[in-house]
Amino acid sequence: METPFHDLIEEYHSEDIMSVNHSKVIHRLSVALDRYTDQFDVLPELELKLNGKPVKPDVSIFPKLPEDWDNDIIFYTQPPLIAIEIQSPKQATTEITTKMNEVYFPAGIQSVWIIIPPLRLVFIQTPSGQKLTYTDGIVRDPVTAIELPFNAIFR
């Protein structure tokens, strides 16, 4: 007997569902952030364990990490400087903001970007409460001084 499609979807957490637009944004961010490769490591979909809680931001930005090809780490326990979350089609915004306030900021992440593809919006918040919203122009991270043209994300 074949499993209905909606039953398969319900087996996954909403943040685990990858859509075409979600994938495009991850790719475009990674490409745009490549110019910062001397300063930062940009790691998409890295499994983290922060304060004992497993999380997986769509993109994590760390200060340059030492390279060790002989020993890999599955659950990285140090917080990135920036966690970037791209809202999935079935994901509530409150799911992301709860993760930001209950996991990311208490663990030491200094900046969280929330990208909402259908609205073509980039929202950045810091633990101090600084909030920035971008719908065009240059997206500027207040912590790292990373700058990206908005049109590098949404063409």
C-alpha atoms as a PDB file:
ATOM      1  CA  MET A   1       0.000   0.000   0.000  1.00  0.00           C
ATOM      2  CA  GLU A   2       1.355   3.398  -0.977  1.00  0.00           C
ATOM      3  CA  THR A   3       1.796   6.115   1.668  1.00  0.00           C
ATOM      4  CA  PRO A   4      -0.042   9.346   0.819  1.00  0.00           C
ATOM      5  CA  PHE A   5       2.261  12.271   0.089  1.00  0.00           C
ATOM      6  CA  HIS A   6       0.941  14.401   2.984  1.00  0.00           C
ATOM      7  CA  ASP A   7       1.785  11.605   5.440  1.00  0.00           C
ATOM      8  CA  LEU A   8       5.377  11.603   4.193  1.00  0.00           C
ATOM      9  CA  ILE A   9       5.627  15.369   4.629  1.00  0.00           C
ATOM     10  CA  GLU A  10       4.284  15.161   8.190  1.00  0.00           C
ATOM     11  CA  GLU A  11       7.115  12.777   9.127  1.00  0.00           C
ATOM     12  CA  TYR A  12       9.625  15.622   8.746  1.00  0.00           C
ATOM     13  CA  HIS A  13       9.975  18.710  10.874  1.00  0.00           C
ATOM     14  CA  SER A  14       8.982  21.776   8.902  1.00  0.00           C
ATOM     15  CA  GLU A  15      12.565  23.092   8.988  1.00  0.00           C
ATOM     16  CA  ASP A  16      13.826  19.870   7.379  1.00  0.00           C
ATOM     17  CA  ILE A  17      11.773  20.376   4.213  1.00  0.00           C
ATOM     18  CA  MET A  18      13.994  21.803   1.493  1.00  0.00           C
ATOM     19  CA  SER A  19      12.288  23.679  -1.335  1.00  0.00           C
ATOM     20  CA  VAL A  20      13.679  25.031  -4.589  1.00  0.00           C
ATOM     21  CA  ASN A  21      13.705  28.646  -3.351  1.00  0.00           C
ATOM     22  CA  HIS A  22      15.208  27.591  -0.018  1.00  0.00           C
ATOM     23  CA  SER A  23      18.030  25.800  -1.849  1.00  0.00           C
ATOM     24  CA  LYS A  24      18.589  28.772  -4.161  1.00  0.00           C
ATOM     25  CA  VAL A  25      18.961  31.145  -1.212  1.00  0.00           C
ATOM     26  CA  ILE A  26      21.461  28.842   0.548  1.00  0.00           C
ATOM     27  CA  HIS A  27      23.507  28.593  -2.638  1.00  0.00           C
ATOM     28  CA  ARG A  28      23.391  32.320  -3.385  1.00  0.00           C
ATOM     29  CA  LEU A  29      24.379  33.199   0.185  1.00  0.00           C
ATOM     30  CA  SER A  30      27.306  30.785   0.039  1.00  0.00           C
ATOM     31  CA  VAL A  31      28.507  32.233  -3.259  1.00  0.00           C
ATOM     32  CA  ALA A  32      28.089  35.850  -2.096  1.00  0.00           C
ATOM     33  CA  LEU A  33      29.862  35.131   1.193  1.00  0.00           C
ATOM     34  CA  ASP A  34      32.810  33.491  -0.566  1.00  0.00           C
ATOM     35  CA  ARG A  35      34.588  36.846  -0.754  1.00  0.00           C
ATOM     36  CA  TYR A  36      34.981  36.648   3.047  1.00  0.00           C
ATOM     37  CA  THR A  37      36.749  33.284   2.937  1.00  0.00           C
ATOM     38  CA  ASP A  38      39.986  34.712   4.363  1.00  0.00           C
ATOM     39  CA  GLN A  39      38.174  35.908   7.496  1.00  0.00           C
ATOM     40  CA  PHE A  40      35.318  33.452   8.000  1.00  0.00           C
ATOM     41  CA  ASP A  41      34.225  29.883   7.412  1.00  0.00           C
ATOM     42  CA  VAL A  42      30.769  29.741   5.841  1.00  0.00           C
ATOM     43  CA  LEU A  43      29.254  26.342   6.623  1.00  0.00           C
ATOM     44  CA  PRO A  44      25.818  25.439   5.210  1.00  0.00           C
ATOM     45  CA  GLU A  45      23.634  22.929   7.056  1.00  0.00           C
ATOM     46  CA  LEU A  46      26.179  22.236   9.828  1.00  0.00           C
ATOM     47  CA  GLU A  47      24.817  20.163  12.713  1.00  0.00           C
ATOM     48  CA  LEU A  48      25.377  22.038  15.960  1.00  0.00           C
ATOM     49  CA  LYS A  49      24.810  21.091  19.567  1.00  0.00           C
ATOM     50  CA  LEU A  50      24.474  24.310  21.538  1.00  0.00           C
ATOM     51  CA  ASN A  51      23.869  24.099  25.280  1.00  0.00           C
ATOM     52  CA  GLY A  52      22.988  20.443  24.711  1.00  0.00           C
ATOM     53  CA  LYS A  53      20.338  21.233  22.077  1.00  0.00           C
ATOM     54  CA  PRO A  54      20.736  19.986  18.496  1.00  0.00           C
ATOM     55  CA  VAL A  55      20.147  22.695  15.880  1.00  0.00           C
ATOM     56  CA  LYS A  56      21.036  23.126  12.229  1.00  0.00           C
ATOM     57  CA  PRO A  57      21.058  26.666  10.867  1.00  0.00           C
ATOM     58  CA  ASP A  58      20.813  26.879   7.104  1.00  0.00           C
ATOM     59  CA  VAL A  59      24.146  28.727   7.092  1.00  0.00           C
ATOM     60  CA  SER A  60      26.600  29.211   9.975  1.00  0.00           C
ATOM     61  CA  ILE A  61      29.393  31.765   9.815  1.00  0.00           C
ATOM     62  CA  PHE A  62      32.417  31.158  12.046  1.00  0.00           C
ATOM     63  CA  PRO A  63      35.727  32.916  12.483  1.00  0.00           C
ATOM     64  CA  LYS A  64      38.291  30.928  10.485  1.00  0.00           C
ATOM     65  CA  LEU A  65      38.452  27.411  11.954  1.00  0.00           C
ATOM     66  CA  PRO A  66      41.585  25.270  11.973  1.00  0.00           C
ATOM     67  CA  GLU A  67      41.582  22.635   9.264  1.00  0.00           C
ATOM     68  CA  ASP A  68      41.872  19.022  10.372  1.00  0.00           C
ATOM     69  CA  TRP A  69      41.048  16.610   7.577  1.00  0.00           C
ATOM     70  CA  ASP A  70      41.948  13.590   9.718  1.00  0.00           C
ATOM     71  CA  ASN A  71      39.386  14.270  12.439  1.00  0.00           C
ATOM     72  CA  ASP A  72      35.903  15.371  11.510  1.00  0.00           C
ATOM     73  CA  ILE A  73      33.213  16.679  13.868  1.00  0.00           C
ATOM     74  CA  ILE A  74      29.565  15.742  13.412  1.00  0.00           C
ATOM     75  CA  PHE A  75      27.974  17.926  16.106  1.00  0.00           C
ATOM     76  CA  TYR A  76      29.983  21.119  16.473  1.00  0.00           C
ATOM     77  CA  THR A  77      29.547  22.572  19.963  1.00  0.00           C
ATOM     78  CA  GLN A  78      31.000  26.071  19.529  1.00  0.00           C
ATOM     79  CA  PRO A  79      28.508  28.735  18.463  1.00  0.00           C
ATOM     80  CA  PRO A  80      29.014  30.486  15.146  1.00  0.00           C
ATOM     81  CA  LEU A  81      29.195  34.269  15.005  1.00  0.00           C
ATOM     82  CA  ILE A  82      26.132  34.329  12.741  1.00  0.00           C
ATOM     83  CA  ALA A  83      23.303  31.831  12.272  1.00  0.00           C
ATOM     84  CA  ILE A  84      21.248  32.279   9.118  1.00  0.00           C
ATOM     85  CA  GLU A  85      17.784  30.764   8.956  1.00  0.00           C
ATOM     86  CA  ILE A  86      15.778  30.651   5.743  1.00  0.00           C
ATOM     87  CA  GLN A  87      12.099  30.228   6.398  1.00  0.00           C
ATOM     88  CA  SER A  88      10.812  27.022   4.826  1.00  0.00           C
ATOM     89  CA  PRO A  89       7.439  27.000   3.043  1.00  0.00           C
ATOM     90  CA  LYS A  90       5.635  25.272   5.938  1.00  0.00           C
ATOM     91  CA  GLN A  91       7.616  26.850   8.796  1.00  0.00           C
ATOM     92  CA  ALA A  92       6.122  29.421  11.167  1.00  0.00           C
ATOM     93  CA  THR A  93       8.164  32.535  11.836  1.00  0.00           C
ATOM     94  CA  THR A  94       7.674  31.971  15.574  1.00  0.00           C
ATOM     95  CA  GLU A  95       9.478  28.634  15.234  1.00  0.00           C
ATOM     96  CA  ILE A  96      12.570  30.528  14.068  1.00  0.00           C
ATOM     97  CA  THR A  97      12.312  33.395  16.558  1.00  0.00           C
ATOM     98  CA  THR A  98      11.838  30.943  19.436  1.00  0.00           C
ATOM     99  CA  LYS A  99      14.993  29.098  18.362  1.00  0.00           C
ATOM    100  CA  MET A 100      16.803  32.432  18.112  1.00  0.00           C
ATOM    101  CA  ASN A 101      15.799  33.557  21.601  1.00  0.00           C
ATOM    102  CA  GLU A 102      15.904  30.218  23.429  1.00  0.00           C
ATOM    103  CA  VAL A 103      18.904  28.522  21.783  1.00  0.00           C
ATOM    104  CA  TYR A 104      20.994  30.786  19.566  1.00  0.00           C
ATOM    105  CA  PHE A 105      21.392  33.897  21.712  1.00  0.00           C
ATOM    106  CA  PRO A 106      21.837  32.024  25.041  1.00  0.00           C
ATOM    107  CA  ALA A 107      24.561  29.910  23.354  1.00  0.00           C
ATOM    108  CA  GLY A 108      26.521  33.015  22.344  1.00  0.00           C
ATOM    109  CA  ILE A 109      25.555  33.550  18.709  1.00  0.00           C
ATOM    110  CA  GLN A 110      26.050  37.246  18.044  1.00  0.00           C
ATOM    111  CA  SER A 111      23.757  37.789  15.068  1.00  0.00           C
ATOM    112  CA  VAL A 112      20.815  35.894  13.569  1.00  0.00           C
ATOM    113  CA  TRP A 113      19.600  36.462  10.048  1.00  0.00           C
ATOM    114  CA  ILE A 114      16.087  35.359   9.146  1.00  0.00           C
ATOM    115  CA  ILE A 115      15.398  35.271   5.428  1.00  0.00           C
ATOM    116  CA  ILE A 116      11.794  35.077   4.252  1.00  0.00           C
ATOM    117  CA  PRO A 117      11.809  34.208   0.525  1.00  0.00           C
ATOM    118  CA  PRO A 118       8.155  34.949  -0.382  1.00  0.00           C
ATOM    119  CA  LEU A 119       8.495  38.472   1.063  1.00  0.00           C
ATOM    120  CA  ARG A 120      12.038  38.922  -0.296  1.00  0.00           C
ATOM    121  CA  LEU A 121      13.091  40.074   3.136  1.00  0.00           C
ATOM    122  CA  VAL A 122      16.241  39.759   5.250  1.00  0.00           C
ATOM    123  CA  PHE A 123      15.821  40.431   8.973  1.00  0.00           C
ATOM    124  CA  ILE A 124      18.854  40.615  11.279  1.00  0.00           C
ATOM    125  CA  GLN A 125      18.745  40.662  15.063  1.00  0.00           C
ATOM    126  CA  THR A 126      21.451  40.757  17.739  1.00  0.00           C
ATOM    127  CA  PRO A 127      21.176  39.616  21.373  1.00  0.00           C
ATOM    128  CA  SER A 128      21.142  43.282  22.468  1.00  0.00           C
ATOM    129  CA  GLY A 129      17.877  43.733  20.562  1.00  0.00           C
ATOM    130  CA  GLN A 130      19.221  45.574  17.527  1.00  0.00           C
ATOM    131  CA  LYS A 131      16.909  44.800  14.596  1.00  0.00           C
ATOM    132  CA  LEU A 132      17.549  45.525  10.927  1.00  0.00           C
ATOM    133  CA  THR A 133      15.239  44.788   8.002  1.00  0.00           C
ATOM    134  CA  TYR A 134      16.313  44.755   4.356  1.00  0.00           C
ATOM    135  CA  THR A 135      14.233  44.589   1.207  1.00  0.00           C
ATOM    136  CA  ASP A 136      16.896  46.079  -1.089  1.00  0.00           C
ATOM    137  CA  GLY A 137      20.277  47.799  -1.025  1.00  0.00           C
ATOM    138  CA  ILE A 138      23.225  46.395   0.938  1.00  0.00           C
ATOM    139  CA  VAL A 139      22.608  43.865   3.709  1.00  0.00           C
ATOM    140  CA  ARG A 140      25.022  44.746   6.548  1.00  0.00           C
ATOM    141  CA  ASP A 141      25.679  42.552   9.540  1.00  0.00           C
ATOM    142  CA  PRO A 142      26.221  44.814  12.575  1.00  0.00           C
ATOM    143  CA  VAL A 143      28.564  42.370  14.330  1.00  0.00           C
ATOM    144  CA  THR A 144      30.947  41.196  11.617  1.00  0.00           C
ATOM    145  CA  ALA A 145      30.657  44.057   9.098  1.00  0.00           C
ATOM    146  CA  ILE A 146      29.821  41.490   6.413  1.00  0.00           C
ATOM    147  CA  GLU A 147      28.073  43.245   3.532  1.00  0.00           C
ATOM    148  CA  LEU A 148      26.144  41.613   0.715  1.00  0.00           C
ATOM    149  CA  PRO A 149      24.169  43.184  -2.098  1.00  0.00           C
ATOM    150  CA  PHE A 150      20.525  42.306  -1.505  1.00  0.00           C
ATOM    151  CA  ASN A 151      20.240  41.343  -5.179  1.00  0.00           C
ATOM    152  CA  ALA A 152      22.900  38.657  -4.634  1.00  0.00           C
ATOM    153  CA  ILE A 153      20.249  36.828  -2.583  1.00  0.00           C
ATOM    154  CA  PHE A 154      17.115  37.774  -4.514  1.00  0.00           C
ATOM    155  CA  ARG A 155      17.719  38.479  -8.203  1.00  0.00           C
END
